[in-house]
Amino acid sequence: MPSILSTKNLYAEQQKAFREAGIALLEYNAIKIKSVAFEMPETVENAIFTSKNAVKAVINHSATAKEINNCFCVGTKTAKILEKNGLKPLKISENATDLAHFIAKYHSEKSFYFFCGDNRRGELPEILKAKIIQFKEVITYKTTLNTKQFDQDFDAVLFFSPSGIQSFVKTNDLGQKTAICIGKTTAAEARKYTGNIAIADTTTVESVIEKAVELIENTD
């Protein structure tokens, strides 16, 4: 029976797809997220979110979180959390680089609050700085690696962030395993350790699962 390792614990409905395809699934959380104390003004004109964890942290911060006039975000899941809390995204991009270029092209005259984690990627702030766009970075959560060693082999490993890859390779060899990645940024990190990479069609957990099942079924 083919087997897959997920570096993120999945919901029951998500696990179901593997059972129906006859694929053994092992899962764990490769990273841990912890909110940290931070300050934000009562009203934010323009906010940037590159992860749903940052959105959750801001929403939980106080009632003033809804005093955000314009949101720019990465990922449909991040957008859905914003919308659920009454914050309609002005722009949804697939990755931080694309979002930064969009802001630089259409909103360069504005200033922004960039809500993120302590281990955020450097592409977005670097592009904004290069374009002389004003922004204030606000760290809302901390990411720690939850390392775990696996003795068994897997046909593929599911990755949902660059941090998840960094955690996995601390104690495991990616080697000939196929890394199935949620997006281009995660795939770029995976390429440091393997040439066997597949990228989900959209930046959702469900799309990663679909890509994994498709890959295994086509291999048989």
N, C-alpha and C. Protein backbone atom coordinates (compact mmCIF):
# COMPACT_ATOMS: atom_id res chain seq x y z
N MET A 1 0.84 -1.20 0.00
CA MET A 1 0.00 0.00 0.00
C MET A 1 0.87 1.25 0.00
N PRO A 2 0.62 2.19 -0.91
CA PRO A 2 1.40 3.43 -0.91
C PRO A 2 1.15 4.23 0.36
N SER A 3 2.12 5.02 0.77
CA SER A 3 1.98 5.80 2.01
C SER A 3 2.41 7.24 1.81
N ILE A 4 1.77 8.11 2.58
CA ILE A 4 2.04 9.54 2.50
C ILE A 4 2.17 10.10 3.91
N LEU A 5 3.10 11.03 4.06
CA LEU A 5 3.25 11.74 5.32
C LEU A 5 2.79 13.18 5.14
N SER A 6 1.90 13.65 6.01
CA SER A 6 1.47 15.05 5.99
C SER A 6 2.13 15.79 7.14
N THR A 7 2.75 16.92 6.83
CA THR A 7 3.42 17.71 7.87
C THR A 7 2.44 18.69 8.52
N LYS A 8 1.17 18.33 8.44
CA LYS A 8 0.11 19.11 9.07
C LYS A 8 -1.03 18.14 9.39
N ASN A 9 -1.56 18.22 10.61
CA ASN A 9 -2.69 17.37 10.96
C ASN A 9 -3.91 17.79 10.14
N LEU A 10 -4.58 16.80 9.56
CA LEU A 10 -5.70 17.08 8.67
C LEU A 10 -7.03 16.82 9.37
N TYR A 11 -8.08 17.45 8.84
CA TYR A 11 -9.43 17.22 9.34
C TYR A 11 -9.92 15.86 8.84
N ALA A 12 -10.95 15.33 9.49
CA ALA A 12 -11.49 14.02 9.13
C ALA A 12 -11.90 13.95 7.67
N GLU A 13 -12.54 15.00 7.17
CA GLU A 13 -12.99 15.02 5.78
C GLU A 13 -11.81 15.01 4.82
N GLN A 14 -10.72 15.64 5.23
CA GLN A 14 -9.52 15.65 4.38
C GLN A 14 -8.83 14.30 4.39
N GLN A 15 -8.84 13.61 5.52
CA GLN A 15 -8.25 12.28 5.63
C GLN A 15 -9.00 11.27 4.77
N LYS A 16 -10.29 11.49 4.62
CA LYS A 16 -11.17 10.56 3.90
C LYS A 16 -10.69 10.30 2.47
N ALA A 17 -10.17 11.33 1.81
CA ALA A 17 -9.71 11.19 0.42
C ALA A 17 -8.62 10.14 0.30
N PHE A 18 -7.75 10.03 1.29
CA PHE A 18 -6.67 9.04 1.25
C PHE A 18 -7.21 7.64 1.50
N ARG A 19 -8.14 7.50 2.42
CA ARG A 19 -8.74 6.18 2.69
C ARG A 19 -9.43 5.64 1.45
N GLU A 20 -10.19 6.51 0.79
CA GLU A 20 -10.93 6.09 -0.39
C GLU A 20 -9.99 5.71 -1.54
N ALA A 21 -8.80 6.29 -1.57
CA ALA A 21 -7.83 5.99 -2.63
C ALA A 21 -6.90 4.83 -2.26
N GLY A 22 -7.09 4.27 -1.05
CA GLY A 22 -6.24 3.16 -0.61
C GLY A 22 -4.82 3.58 -0.32
N ILE A 23 -4.66 4.78 0.24
CA ILE A 23 -3.33 5.32 0.57
C ILE A 23 -3.20 5.44 2.09
N ALA A 24 -2.14 4.88 2.64
CA ALA A 24 -1.88 4.98 4.07
C ALA A 24 -1.39 6.40 4.39
N LEU A 25 -1.96 7.00 5.43
CA LEU A 25 -1.62 8.37 5.80
C LEU A 25 -1.07 8.44 7.22
N LEU A 26 0.07 9.11 7.35
CA LEU A 26 0.62 9.44 8.67
C LEU A 26 0.73 10.95 8.73
N GLU A 27 0.39 11.54 9.86
CA GLU A 27 0.38 13.00 9.93
C GLU A 27 0.90 13.51 11.27
N TYR A 28 1.44 14.72 11.24
CA TYR A 28 1.88 15.40 12.46
C TYR A 28 2.04 16.88 12.12
N ASN A 29 2.09 17.71 13.13
CA ASN A 29 2.31 19.15 12.90
C ASN A 29 3.80 19.44 12.97
N ALA A 30 4.39 19.77 11.84
CA ALA A 30 5.83 20.01 11.76
C ALA A 30 6.24 21.34 12.39
N ILE A 31 5.27 22.24 12.54
CA ILE A 31 5.56 23.53 13.17
C ILE A 31 4.51 23.84 14.23
N LYS A 32 4.90 24.67 15.17
CA LYS A 32 3.98 25.13 16.21
C LYS A 32 3.87 26.64 16.13
N ILE A 33 2.66 27.15 16.29
CA ILE A 33 2.40 28.58 16.21
C ILE A 33 1.97 29.10 17.58
N LYS A 34 2.60 30.19 18.03
CA LYS A 34 2.24 30.80 19.31
C LYS A 34 2.08 32.30 19.13
N SER A 35 0.94 32.82 19.55
CA SER A 35 0.71 34.27 19.44
C SER A 35 1.62 35.02 20.39
N VAL A 36 2.02 36.21 20.01
CA VAL A 36 2.86 37.06 20.86
C VAL A 36 2.16 38.41 21.04
N ALA A 37 2.55 39.12 22.06
CA ALA A 37 1.96 40.44 22.31
C ALA A 37 2.43 41.43 21.25
N PHE A 38 1.51 42.26 20.78
CA PHE A 38 1.87 43.29 19.80
C PHE A 38 0.90 44.45 19.90
N GLU A 39 1.28 45.56 19.32
CA GLU A 39 0.44 46.75 19.35
C GLU A 39 0.00 47.11 17.94
N MET A 40 -1.21 47.62 17.85
CA MET A 40 -1.72 48.11 16.56
C MET A 40 -2.63 49.29 16.84
N PRO A 41 -2.72 50.24 15.92
CA PRO A 41 -3.57 51.41 16.13
C PRO A 41 -5.05 51.03 16.08
N GLU A 42 -5.90 51.93 16.55
CA GLU A 42 -7.34 51.65 16.54
C GLU A 42 -7.87 51.54 15.12
N THR A 43 -7.26 52.29 14.21
CA THR A 43 -7.68 52.23 12.81
C THR A 43 -6.47 52.00 11.92
N VAL A 44 -6.58 51.00 11.06
CA VAL A 44 -5.53 50.69 10.09
C VAL A 44 -6.11 50.92 8.70
N GLU A 45 -5.49 51.78 7.93
CA GLU A 45 -6.01 52.08 6.60
C GLU A 45 -5.75 50.92 5.64
N ASN A 46 -4.49 50.42 5.63
CA ASN A 46 -4.12 49.35 4.70
C ASN A 46 -3.33 48.27 5.43
N ALA A 47 -3.83 47.04 5.37
CA ALA A 47 -3.18 45.93 6.07
C ALA A 47 -2.77 44.84 5.08
N ILE A 48 -1.60 44.27 5.32
CA ILE A 48 -1.10 43.16 4.51
C ILE A 48 -1.04 41.91 5.38
N PHE A 49 -1.59 40.81 4.87
CA PHE A 49 -1.54 39.53 5.57
C PHE A 49 -1.01 38.47 4.60
N THR A 50 0.06 37.79 4.98
CA THR A 50 0.58 36.72 4.13
C THR A 50 0.30 35.34 4.72
N SER A 51 -0.41 35.29 5.84
CA SER A 51 -0.78 34.00 6.43
C SER A 51 -2.06 34.13 7.24
N LYS A 52 -2.79 33.04 7.34
CA LYS A 52 -4.02 33.05 8.12
C LYS A 52 -3.72 33.16 9.62
N ASN A 53 -2.51 32.74 10.04
CA ASN A 53 -2.15 32.85 11.45
C ASN A 53 -2.08 34.31 11.88
N ALA A 54 -1.60 35.16 10.99
CA ALA A 54 -1.53 36.59 11.30
C ALA A 54 -2.93 37.18 11.40
N VAL A 55 -3.82 36.74 10.53
CA VAL A 55 -5.21 37.22 10.57
C VAL A 55 -5.84 36.84 11.90
N LYS A 56 -5.68 35.58 12.29
CA LYS A 56 -6.26 35.10 13.55
C LYS A 56 -5.73 35.89 14.73
N ALA A 57 -4.43 36.19 14.72
CA ALA A 57 -3.82 36.94 15.81
C ALA A 57 -4.40 38.34 15.90
N VAL A 58 -4.57 38.99 14.75
CA VAL A 58 -5.13 40.34 14.73
C VAL A 58 -6.59 40.34 15.17
N ILE A 59 -7.36 39.36 14.67
CA ILE A 59 -8.77 39.26 15.03
C ILE A 59 -8.92 39.06 16.54
N ASN A 60 -8.04 38.23 17.11
CA ASN A 60 -8.11 37.95 18.55
C ASN A 60 -7.53 39.06 19.41
N HIS A 61 -6.85 39.99 18.76
CA HIS A 61 -6.17 41.06 19.50
C HIS A 61 -7.15 41.95 20.24
N SER A 62 -8.16 42.39 19.54
CA SER A 62 -9.18 43.26 20.15
C SER A 62 -10.28 43.54 19.15
N ALA A 63 -11.30 44.21 19.62
CA ALA A 63 -12.41 44.57 18.74
C ALA A 63 -11.98 45.56 17.66
N THR A 64 -10.87 46.25 17.89
CA THR A 64 -10.40 47.24 16.92
C THR A 64 -9.92 46.60 15.62
N ALA A 65 -9.79 45.24 15.63
CA ALA A 65 -9.32 44.56 14.43
C ALA A 65 -10.23 44.83 13.24
N LYS A 66 -11.51 45.11 13.52
CA LYS A 66 -12.43 45.35 12.42
C LYS A 66 -12.32 46.77 11.87
N GLU A 67 -11.48 47.58 12.49
CA GLU A 67 -11.24 48.93 11.99
C GLU A 67 -10.08 48.91 10.99
N ILE A 68 -10.11 47.95 10.10
CA ILE A 68 -9.13 47.87 9.02
C ILE A 68 -9.89 48.15 7.72
N ASN A 69 -9.49 49.18 7.03
CA ASN A 69 -10.25 49.62 5.86
C ASN A 69 -9.96 48.81 4.61
N ASN A 70 -8.68 48.51 4.35
CA ASN A 70 -8.32 47.77 3.14
C ASN A 70 -7.36 46.63 3.50
N CYS A 71 -7.67 45.43 3.00
CA CYS A 71 -6.81 44.27 3.26
C CYS A 71 -6.22 43.74 1.96
N PHE A 72 -4.97 43.37 2.01
CA PHE A 72 -4.27 42.74 0.89
C PHE A 72 -3.70 41.44 1.44
N CYS A 73 -4.00 40.32 0.81
CA CYS A 73 -3.60 39.06 1.44
C CYS A 73 -3.10 38.03 0.44
N VAL A 74 -2.48 36.97 1.00
CA VAL A 74 -1.99 35.83 0.23
C VAL A 74 -2.83 34.61 0.60
N GLY A 75 -3.40 33.96 -0.41
CA GLY A 75 -4.11 32.70 -0.19
C GLY A 75 -5.61 32.84 0.03
N THR A 76 -6.35 31.89 -0.53
CA THR A 76 -7.81 31.92 -0.41
C THR A 76 -8.27 31.63 1.01
N LYS A 77 -7.53 30.78 1.74
CA LYS A 77 -7.91 30.48 3.12
C LYS A 77 -7.75 31.71 4.00
N THR A 78 -6.69 32.47 3.75
CA THR A 78 -6.48 33.71 4.49
C THR A 78 -7.62 34.68 4.19
N ALA A 79 -8.00 34.75 2.93
CA ALA A 79 -9.10 35.63 2.51
C ALA A 79 -10.41 35.24 3.18
N LYS A 80 -10.68 33.94 3.26
CA LYS A 80 -11.93 33.47 3.86
C LYS A 80 -12.04 33.85 5.33
N ILE A 81 -10.92 33.79 6.05
CA ILE A 81 -10.93 34.16 7.46
C ILE A 81 -11.19 35.66 7.60
N LEU A 82 -10.59 36.45 6.72
CA LEU A 82 -10.83 37.89 6.72
C LEU A 82 -12.31 38.17 6.47
N GLU A 83 -12.87 37.53 5.46
CA GLU A 83 -14.27 37.77 5.10
C GLU A 83 -15.22 37.33 6.20
N LYS A 84 -14.87 36.22 6.85
CA LYS A 84 -15.70 35.71 7.95
C LYS A 84 -15.79 36.72 9.08
N ASN A 85 -14.78 37.55 9.20
CA ASN A 85 -14.74 38.55 10.27
C ASN A 85 -15.04 39.96 9.76
N GLY A 86 -15.71 40.03 8.63
CA GLY A 86 -16.17 41.31 8.12
C GLY A 86 -15.12 42.15 7.43
N LEU A 87 -14.01 41.54 7.03
CA LEU A 87 -12.93 42.27 6.38
C LEU A 87 -12.76 41.77 4.95
N LYS A 88 -13.21 42.54 4.00
CA LYS A 88 -13.16 42.12 2.60
C LYS A 88 -11.80 42.44 1.98
N PRO A 89 -11.10 41.44 1.46
CA PRO A 89 -9.79 41.68 0.85
C PRO A 89 -9.92 42.49 -0.44
N LEU A 90 -9.06 43.49 -0.57
CA LEU A 90 -9.01 44.27 -1.80
C LEU A 90 -8.26 43.51 -2.89
N LYS A 91 -7.30 42.66 -2.46
CA LYS A 91 -6.51 41.87 -3.41
C LYS A 91 -6.11 40.56 -2.75
N ILE A 92 -6.29 39.44 -3.49
CA ILE A 92 -5.87 38.12 -3.03
C ILE A 92 -4.84 37.59 -4.03
N SER A 93 -3.63 37.33 -3.58
CA SER A 93 -2.59 36.81 -4.46
C SER A 93 -2.20 35.40 -4.04
N GLU A 94 -1.56 34.67 -4.96
CA GLU A 94 -1.16 33.30 -4.66
C GLU A 94 0.10 33.25 -3.81
N ASN A 95 0.94 34.26 -3.89
CA ASN A 95 2.16 34.29 -3.07
C ASN A 95 2.55 35.73 -2.75
N ALA A 96 3.47 35.87 -1.81
CA ALA A 96 3.85 37.19 -1.31
C ALA A 96 4.54 38.04 -2.37
N THR A 97 5.31 37.40 -3.24
CA THR A 97 6.01 38.15 -4.29
C THR A 97 5.01 38.82 -5.24
N ASP A 98 4.01 38.05 -5.68
CA ASP A 98 2.98 38.61 -6.57
C ASP A 98 2.23 39.74 -5.89
N LEU A 99 1.94 39.57 -4.60
CA LEU A 99 1.21 40.61 -3.86
C LEU A 99 2.04 41.89 -3.78
N ALA A 100 3.32 41.74 -3.50
CA ALA A 100 4.21 42.89 -3.40
C ALA A 100 4.27 43.66 -4.71
N HIS A 101 4.36 42.94 -5.82
CA HIS A 101 4.42 43.59 -7.13
C HIS A 101 3.08 44.30 -7.45
N PHE A 102 1.98 43.70 -7.04
CA PHE A 102 0.68 44.33 -7.25
C PHE A 102 0.59 45.64 -6.47
N ILE A 103 1.01 45.61 -5.21
CA ILE A 103 0.99 46.82 -4.38
C ILE A 103 1.89 47.89 -4.98
N ALA A 104 3.08 47.48 -5.42
CA ALA A 104 4.03 48.43 -6.00
C ALA A 104 3.48 49.07 -7.27
N LYS A 105 2.70 48.32 -8.04
CA LYS A 105 2.18 48.82 -9.31
C LYS A 105 0.95 49.71 -9.13
N TYR A 106 0.06 49.33 -8.19
CA TYR A 106 -1.22 50.02 -8.11
C TYR A 106 -1.44 50.84 -6.83
N HIS A 107 -0.61 50.63 -5.80
CA HIS A 107 -0.85 51.32 -4.53
C HIS A 107 0.44 51.85 -3.91
N SER A 108 1.37 52.26 -4.74
CA SER A 108 2.68 52.68 -4.24
C SER A 108 2.63 53.94 -3.38
N GLU A 109 1.56 54.73 -3.53
CA GLU A 109 1.47 55.98 -2.78
C GLU A 109 0.95 55.78 -1.37
N LYS A 110 0.51 54.57 -1.05
CA LYS A 110 -0.10 54.30 0.26
C LYS A 110 0.92 53.78 1.26
N SER A 111 0.55 53.78 2.53
CA SER A 111 1.38 53.19 3.58
C SER A 111 0.62 51.99 4.15
N PHE A 112 1.36 51.03 4.68
CA PHE A 112 0.77 49.76 5.08
C PHE A 112 1.25 49.28 6.44
N TYR A 113 0.41 48.44 7.07
CA TYR A 113 0.81 47.64 8.21
C TYR A 113 0.94 46.21 7.70
N PHE A 114 2.10 45.61 7.87
CA PHE A 114 2.34 44.24 7.43
C PHE A 114 2.32 43.33 8.66
N PHE A 115 1.19 42.62 8.87
CA PHE A 115 1.04 41.72 10.00
C PHE A 115 1.56 40.34 9.61
N CYS A 116 2.52 39.81 10.37
CA CYS A 116 3.19 38.58 9.97
C CYS A 116 3.75 37.83 11.17
N GLY A 117 4.44 36.71 10.90
CA GLY A 117 5.10 35.95 11.93
C GLY A 117 6.58 36.27 11.98
N ASP A 118 7.26 35.77 12.99
CA ASP A 118 8.68 36.08 13.16
C ASP A 118 9.56 35.40 12.12
N ASN A 119 9.01 34.38 11.44
CA ASN A 119 9.78 33.63 10.46
C ASN A 119 9.30 33.90 9.04
N ARG A 120 8.76 35.09 8.83
CA ARG A 120 8.20 35.42 7.51
C ARG A 120 9.28 35.48 6.44
N ARG A 121 8.87 35.23 5.19
CA ARG A 121 9.78 35.28 4.06
C ARG A 121 10.18 36.74 3.78
N GLY A 122 11.31 36.92 3.09
CA GLY A 122 11.82 38.27 2.89
C GLY A 122 11.39 38.96 1.61
N GLU A 123 10.73 38.21 0.69
CA GLU A 123 10.45 38.77 -0.62
C GLU A 123 9.58 40.03 -0.56
N LEU A 124 8.48 39.95 0.15
CA LEU A 124 7.53 41.09 0.17
C LEU A 124 8.16 42.36 0.76
N PRO A 125 8.71 42.31 1.97
CA PRO A 125 9.32 43.55 2.50
C PRO A 125 10.47 44.08 1.66
N GLU A 126 11.22 43.16 1.05
CA GLU A 126 12.34 43.61 0.21
C GLU A 126 11.85 44.36 -1.02
N ILE A 127 10.78 43.87 -1.63
CA ILE A 127 10.22 44.54 -2.81
C ILE A 127 9.64 45.89 -2.43
N LEU A 128 8.92 45.95 -1.32
CA LEU A 128 8.33 47.21 -0.88
C LEU A 128 9.41 48.24 -0.55
N LYS A 129 10.48 47.80 0.08
CA LYS A 129 11.58 48.71 0.39
C LYS A 129 12.23 49.22 -0.88
N ALA A 130 12.42 48.32 -1.85
CA ALA A 130 13.05 48.71 -3.11
C ALA A 130 12.22 49.73 -3.87
N LYS A 131 10.91 49.65 -3.71
CA LYS A 131 9.99 50.58 -4.38
C LYS A 131 9.67 51.79 -3.53
N ILE A 132 10.34 51.89 -2.38
CA ILE A 132 10.17 53.01 -1.43
C ILE A 132 8.70 53.17 -1.04
N ILE A 133 8.09 52.05 -0.68
CA ILE A 133 6.71 52.05 -0.20
C ILE A 133 6.74 51.97 1.33
N GLN A 134 6.03 52.85 1.97
CA GLN A 134 6.05 52.90 3.43
C GLN A 134 5.24 51.75 4.02
N PHE A 135 5.85 51.05 4.99
CA PHE A 135 5.11 50.00 5.69
C PHE A 135 5.73 49.78 7.07
N LYS A 136 4.91 49.32 7.98
CA LYS A 136 5.36 48.99 9.33
C LYS A 136 5.12 47.50 9.55
N GLU A 137 6.17 46.78 9.88
CA GLU A 137 6.05 45.34 10.11
C GLU A 137 5.65 45.08 11.55
N VAL A 138 4.62 44.26 11.74
CA VAL A 138 4.13 43.93 13.08
C VAL A 138 4.15 42.41 13.25
N ILE A 139 5.00 41.93 14.15
CA ILE A 139 5.08 40.49 14.42
C ILE A 139 3.93 40.10 15.33
N THR A 140 3.08 39.18 14.86
CA THR A 140 1.89 38.79 15.61
C THR A 140 1.96 37.38 16.18
N TYR A 141 2.88 36.56 15.68
CA TYR A 141 3.01 35.20 16.20
C TYR A 141 4.42 34.68 15.97
N LYS A 142 4.76 33.63 16.70
CA LYS A 142 6.08 33.03 16.62
C LYS A 142 5.96 31.59 16.11
N THR A 143 6.84 31.22 15.20
CA THR A 143 6.86 29.87 14.66
C THR A 143 8.04 29.10 15.23
N THR A 144 7.77 27.90 15.75
CA THR A 144 8.84 27.03 16.23
C THR A 144 8.76 25.70 15.49
N LEU A 145 9.92 25.10 15.24
CA LEU A 145 9.97 23.83 14.52
C LEU A 145 9.69 22.67 15.48
N ASN A 146 8.78 21.81 15.10
CA ASN A 146 8.42 20.62 15.88
C ASN A 146 9.03 19.41 15.19
N THR A 147 10.29 19.14 15.46
CA THR A 147 11.01 18.09 14.75
C THR A 147 10.61 16.69 15.22
N LYS A 148 10.58 15.77 14.28
CA LYS A 148 10.25 14.37 14.57
C LYS A 148 10.92 13.49 13.53
N GLN A 149 11.56 12.42 14.00
CA GLN A 149 12.26 11.53 13.07
C GLN A 149 11.36 10.35 12.70
N PHE A 150 11.39 10.00 11.41
CA PHE A 150 10.59 8.88 10.91
C PHE A 150 11.53 7.82 10.32
N ASP A 151 11.36 6.58 10.78
CA ASP A 151 12.20 5.49 10.29
C ASP A 151 11.64 4.88 9.00
N GLN A 152 10.34 4.93 8.85
CA GLN A 152 9.74 4.33 7.65
C GLN A 152 9.86 5.25 6.45
N ASP A 153 9.71 4.67 5.28
CA ASP A 153 9.79 5.44 4.04
C ASP A 153 8.38 5.82 3.58
N PHE A 154 8.30 6.88 2.78
CA PHE A 154 7.02 7.35 2.26
C PHE A 154 7.14 7.61 0.76
N ASP A 155 6.02 7.42 0.08
CA ASP A 155 6.01 7.72 -1.35
C ASP A 155 6.04 9.22 -1.59
N ALA A 156 5.46 9.98 -0.67
CA ALA A 156 5.43 11.44 -0.81
C ALA A 156 5.24 12.08 0.56
N VAL A 157 5.67 13.34 0.64
CA VAL A 157 5.48 14.12 1.87
C VAL A 157 4.77 15.41 1.49
N LEU A 158 3.72 15.74 2.25
CA LEU A 158 2.94 16.95 1.98
C LEU A 158 3.51 18.11 2.79
N PHE A 159 3.77 19.23 2.11
CA PHE A 159 4.32 20.41 2.78
C PHE A 159 3.41 21.61 2.54
N PHE A 160 3.22 22.41 3.60
CA PHE A 160 2.29 23.54 3.54
C PHE A 160 2.97 24.88 3.83
N SER A 161 4.26 24.85 4.06
CA SER A 161 5.02 26.08 4.29
C SER A 161 6.50 25.78 4.22
N PRO A 162 7.34 26.78 3.94
CA PRO A 162 8.79 26.58 3.98
C PRO A 162 9.26 26.12 5.36
N SER A 163 8.61 26.61 6.42
CA SER A 163 9.00 26.22 7.78
C SER A 163 8.77 24.74 8.01
N GLY A 164 7.70 24.20 7.42
CA GLY A 164 7.43 22.78 7.56
C GLY A 164 8.53 21.93 6.94
N ILE A 165 9.07 22.39 5.83
CA ILE A 165 10.18 21.69 5.18
C ILE A 165 11.43 21.77 6.06
N GLN A 166 11.71 22.95 6.57
CA GLN A 166 12.88 23.14 7.43
C GLN A 166 12.81 22.24 8.66
N SER A 167 11.61 22.08 9.20
CA SER A 167 11.41 21.21 10.36
C SER A 167 11.66 19.75 9.99
N PHE A 168 11.09 19.32 8.86
CA PHE A 168 11.21 17.92 8.44
C PHE A 168 12.66 17.52 8.19
N VAL A 169 13.40 18.35 7.46
CA VAL A 169 14.78 17.98 7.08
C VAL A 169 15.76 18.08 8.24
N LYS A 170 15.34 18.61 9.36
CA LYS A 170 16.21 18.65 10.54
C LYS A 170 16.58 17.24 10.98
N THR A 171 15.64 16.31 10.86
CA THR A 171 15.86 14.94 11.35
C THR A 171 15.54 13.87 10.31
N ASN A 172 15.21 14.28 9.08
CA ASN A 172 14.86 13.32 8.04
C ASN A 172 15.50 13.71 6.71
N ASP A 173 15.68 12.71 5.85
CA ASP A 173 16.24 12.94 4.52
C ASP A 173 15.10 12.94 3.51
N LEU A 174 14.92 14.06 2.81
CA LEU A 174 13.87 14.12 1.81
C LEU A 174 14.23 13.26 0.60
N GLY A 175 15.51 13.26 0.26
CA GLY A 175 16.06 12.35 -0.74
C GLY A 175 15.21 12.14 -1.98
N GLN A 176 14.81 10.87 -2.20
CA GLN A 176 14.04 10.51 -3.39
C GLN A 176 12.53 10.64 -3.19
N LYS A 177 12.11 11.05 -2.01
CA LYS A 177 10.68 11.24 -1.77
C LYS A 177 10.15 12.41 -2.60
N THR A 178 8.90 12.32 -2.99
CA THR A 178 8.28 13.43 -3.72
C THR A 178 7.72 14.44 -2.71
N ALA A 179 8.10 15.68 -2.86
CA ALA A 179 7.59 16.75 -2.01
C ALA A 179 6.40 17.39 -2.72
N ILE A 180 5.23 17.27 -2.13
CA ILE A 180 4.03 17.88 -2.71
C ILE A 180 3.77 19.17 -1.94
N CYS A 181 3.87 20.29 -2.63
CA CYS A 181 3.90 21.60 -1.98
C CYS A 181 2.65 22.42 -2.27
N ILE A 182 2.26 23.23 -1.30
CA ILE A 182 1.04 24.03 -1.41
C ILE A 182 1.19 25.20 -2.38
N GLY A 183 2.42 25.63 -2.64
CA GLY A 183 2.61 26.76 -3.55
C GLY A 183 4.06 26.91 -3.98
N LYS A 184 4.32 27.92 -4.78
CA LYS A 184 5.65 28.12 -5.36
C LYS A 184 6.70 28.45 -4.31
N THR A 185 6.32 29.21 -3.28
CA THR A 185 7.28 29.58 -2.25
C THR A 185 7.74 28.36 -1.47
N THR A 186 6.80 27.50 -1.12
CA THR A 186 7.14 26.26 -0.42
C THR A 186 7.97 25.35 -1.34
N ALA A 187 7.62 25.30 -2.61
CA ALA A 187 8.36 24.49 -3.57
C ALA A 187 9.81 24.97 -3.71
N ALA A 188 10.01 26.28 -3.65
CA ALA A 188 11.36 26.83 -3.76
C ALA A 188 12.24 26.34 -2.61
N GLU A 189 11.65 26.23 -1.42
CA GLU A 189 12.39 25.70 -0.27
C GLU A 189 12.67 24.21 -0.45
N ALA A 190 11.69 23.48 -0.98
CA ALA A 190 11.85 22.03 -1.18
C ALA A 190 12.97 21.72 -2.17
N ARG A 191 13.15 22.59 -3.16
CA ARG A 191 14.17 22.35 -4.20
C ARG A 191 15.59 22.34 -3.63
N LYS A 192 15.75 22.86 -2.43
CA LYS A 192 17.07 22.81 -1.78
C LYS A 192 17.43 21.38 -1.37
N TYR A 193 16.42 20.50 -1.30
CA TYR A 193 16.64 19.16 -0.76
C TYR A 193 16.24 18.02 -1.70
N THR A 194 15.44 18.31 -2.72
CA THR A 194 15.03 17.26 -3.64
C THR A 194 14.62 17.85 -4.99
N GLY A 195 14.76 17.05 -6.03
CA GLY A 195 14.30 17.48 -7.35
C GLY A 195 12.93 16.93 -7.68
N ASN A 196 12.42 16.07 -6.78
CA ASN A 196 11.10 15.46 -6.98
C ASN A 196 10.03 16.33 -6.31
N ILE A 197 9.43 17.20 -7.10
CA ILE A 197 8.49 18.17 -6.54
C ILE A 197 7.21 18.23 -7.37
N ALA A 198 6.09 18.32 -6.68
CA ALA A 198 4.80 18.56 -7.33
C ALA A 198 4.15 19.73 -6.58
N ILE A 199 3.50 20.62 -7.33
CA ILE A 199 2.88 21.81 -6.73
C ILE A 199 1.37 21.73 -6.92
N ALA A 200 0.64 22.00 -5.85
CA ALA A 200 -0.82 21.98 -5.89
C ALA A 200 -1.32 23.02 -6.88
N ASP A 201 -2.48 22.76 -7.47
CA ASP A 201 -3.05 23.68 -8.46
C ASP A 201 -3.48 25.00 -7.84
N THR A 202 -3.94 24.95 -6.58
CA THR A 202 -4.29 26.16 -5.85
C THR A 202 -3.69 26.08 -4.45
N THR A 203 -3.58 27.22 -3.79
CA THR A 203 -2.93 27.25 -2.47
C THR A 203 -3.90 26.90 -1.36
N THR A 204 -4.42 25.66 -1.40
CA THR A 204 -5.31 25.15 -0.36
C THR A 204 -4.86 23.76 0.05
N VAL A 205 -5.20 23.37 1.26
CA VAL A 205 -4.88 22.04 1.74
C VAL A 205 -5.55 20.99 0.86
N GLU A 206 -6.80 21.25 0.49
CA GLU A 206 -7.54 20.31 -0.34
C GLU A 206 -6.85 20.08 -1.69
N SER A 207 -6.29 21.12 -2.25
CA SER A 207 -5.60 20.99 -3.53
C SER A 207 -4.32 20.17 -3.39
N VAL A 208 -3.65 20.30 -2.26
CA VAL A 208 -2.45 19.50 -1.99
C VAL A 208 -2.84 18.02 -1.92
N ILE A 209 -3.95 17.73 -1.25
CA ILE A 209 -4.44 16.36 -1.13
C ILE A 209 -4.80 15.80 -2.50
N GLU A 210 -5.50 16.58 -3.30
CA GLU A 210 -5.88 16.15 -4.65
C GLU A 210 -4.64 15.83 -5.49
N LYS A 211 -3.63 16.68 -5.37
CA LYS A 211 -2.39 16.46 -6.13
C LYS A 211 -1.70 15.18 -5.67
N ALA A 212 -1.72 14.92 -4.36
CA ALA A 212 -1.09 13.72 -3.81
C ALA A 212 -1.78 12.45 -4.31
N VAL A 213 -3.10 12.43 -4.25
CA VAL A 213 -3.87 11.26 -4.69
C VAL A 213 -3.66 11.03 -6.19
N GLU A 214 -3.68 12.12 -6.95
CA GLU A 214 -3.46 12.03 -8.40
C GLU A 214 -2.08 11.45 -8.70
N LEU A 215 -1.09 11.91 -7.98
CA LEU A 215 0.29 11.45 -8.19
C LEU A 215 0.42 9.96 -7.91
N ILE A 216 -0.14 9.51 -6.79
CA ILE A 216 -0.05 8.10 -6.41
C ILE A 216 -0.81 7.21 -7.39
N GLU A 217 -2.00 7.64 -7.77
CA GLU A 217 -2.81 6.84 -8.69
C GLU A 217 -2.16 6.72 -10.06
N ASN A 218 -1.47 7.76 -10.50
CA ASN A 218 -0.80 7.73 -11.80
C ASN A 218 0.50 6.92 -11.76
N THR A 219 1.02 6.72 -10.56
CA THR A 219 2.26 5.96 -10.39
C THR A 219 1.98 4.46 -10.43
N ASP A 220 0.78 4.10 -9.94
CA ASP A 220 0.43 2.67 -9.87
C ASP A 220 0.32 2.06 -11.27
